Amino acid sequence: VALLSLFASASAFVPTSNFGVARDVSVAAMKTPEFAKPAAAAVAGFMPAILSSTAAVATEGTNEAFGVDDPALLIVLFVGHFLILGL
């Protein structure tokens, strides 16, 4: 077992060879059509906003927005946050 662990730790320091994969991918990315570049930029711009906002309206098992099932409590939570932000 000690010999195997020695070989395993020694293999971590062996230089890797990637066989030109990164070069091939970068060359393929340069060959994308001109009409696809603005579309890809637009998708890259709005996808983080969509994905981060879905976490804000997560129901957390209550089937209610923000995980709060009492509307009065939801209003109090929002007012409290807005008052703190106003400081």
Protein backbone atom coordinates (compact mmCIF):
# COMPACT_ATOMS: atom_id res chain seq x y z
CA VAL A 1 0.00 0.00 0.00
CA ALA A 2 2.85 2.36 0.80
CA LEU A 3 4.46 1.71 -2.59
CA LEU A 4 1.18 2.41 -4.37
CA SER A 5 0.71 5.67 -2.49
CA LEU A 6 4.28 6.65 -3.39
CA PHE A 7 3.56 6.07 -7.09
CA ALA A 8 0.26 7.94 -6.84
CA SER A 9 1.85 10.98 -5.23
CA ALA A 10 4.77 10.93 -7.68
CA SER A 11 2.38 10.87 -10.65
CA ALA A 12 0.98 14.21 -9.52
CA PHE A 13 4.25 15.89 -10.47
CA VAL A 14 4.59 14.36 -13.96
CA PRO A 15 4.14 16.94 -16.72
CA THR A 16 0.94 16.47 -18.68
CA SER A 17 0.55 16.50 -22.43
CA ASN A 18 -2.69 17.86 -23.81
CA PHE A 19 -2.05 16.82 -27.45
CA GLY A 20 -3.07 20.22 -28.83
CA VAL A 21 -6.66 20.14 -27.57
CA ALA A 22 -6.66 23.77 -26.47
CA ARG A 23 -5.15 24.84 -29.77
CA ASP A 24 -7.79 22.91 -31.74
CA VAL A 25 -10.63 24.39 -29.71
CA SER A 26 -9.34 27.94 -30.11
CA VAL A 27 -8.96 27.49 -33.87
CA ALA A 28 -12.51 26.13 -34.09
CA ALA A 29 -13.82 29.08 -32.08
CA MET A 30 -12.23 31.51 -34.50
CA LYS A 31 -14.17 29.91 -37.38
CA THR A 32 -17.64 30.75 -36.02
CA PRO A 33 -19.90 32.65 -38.42
CA GLU A 34 -20.19 36.40 -38.01
CA PHE A 35 -23.92 36.31 -37.28
CA ALA A 36 -23.42 33.91 -34.34
CA LYS A 37 -20.98 36.15 -32.48
CA PRO A 38 -23.51 38.85 -31.43
CA ALA A 39 -26.03 36.17 -30.48
CA ALA A 40 -23.48 34.42 -28.29
CA ALA A 41 -22.57 37.71 -26.64
CA ALA A 42 -26.23 38.46 -25.95
CA VAL A 43 -26.81 35.03 -24.44
CA ALA A 44 -23.70 35.39 -22.30
CA GLY A 45 -25.04 38.73 -21.09
CA PHE A 46 -28.53 37.78 -19.98
CA MET A 47 -28.07 34.19 -18.77
CA PRO A 48 -26.37 35.14 -15.46
CA ALA A 49 -29.19 37.57 -14.72
CA ILE A 50 -31.82 34.93 -15.33
CA LEU A 51 -30.03 32.24 -13.37
CA SER A 52 -29.34 34.45 -10.36
CA SER A 53 -32.90 35.79 -10.21
CA THR A 54 -34.41 32.30 -10.13
CA ALA A 55 -32.74 31.73 -6.77
CA ALA A 56 -34.51 34.80 -5.37
CA VAL A 57 -37.98 33.43 -6.08
CA ALA A 58 -37.23 29.90 -4.89
CA THR A 59 -40.15 28.44 -2.97
CA GLU A 60 -38.05 26.39 -0.52
CA GLY A 61 -40.82 23.81 -0.14
CA THR A 62 -43.59 26.23 0.84
CA ASN A 63 -44.90 26.72 -2.74
CA GLU A 64 -44.80 30.44 -2.06
CA ALA A 65 -42.47 33.07 -3.52
CA PHE A 66 -39.38 33.74 -1.43
CA GLY A 67 -40.31 30.81 0.83
CA VAL A 68 -42.72 32.94 2.90
CA ASP A 69 -46.35 31.80 3.13
CA ASP A 70 -47.73 34.83 5.00
CA PRO A 71 -48.12 38.00 2.86
CA ALA A 72 -47.93 40.28 5.90
CA LEU A 73 -44.62 38.76 6.90
CA LEU A 74 -43.35 39.16 3.34
CA ILE A 75 -44.22 42.87 3.41
CA VAL A 76 -42.46 43.32 6.74
CA LEU A 77 -39.36 41.57 5.42
CA PHE A 78 -39.23 43.80 2.33
CA VAL A 79 -39.80 47.00 4.33
CA GLY A 80 -37.08 46.00 6.78
CA HIS A 81 -34.62 45.37 3.97
CA PHE A 82 -35.46 48.63 2.26
CA LEU A 83 -35.03 50.56 5.52
CA ILE A 84 -31.63 48.98 6.08
CA LEU A 85 -30.61 49.75 2.49
CA GLY A 86 -31.67 53.36 3.01
CA LEU A 87 -29.17 53.92 5.80
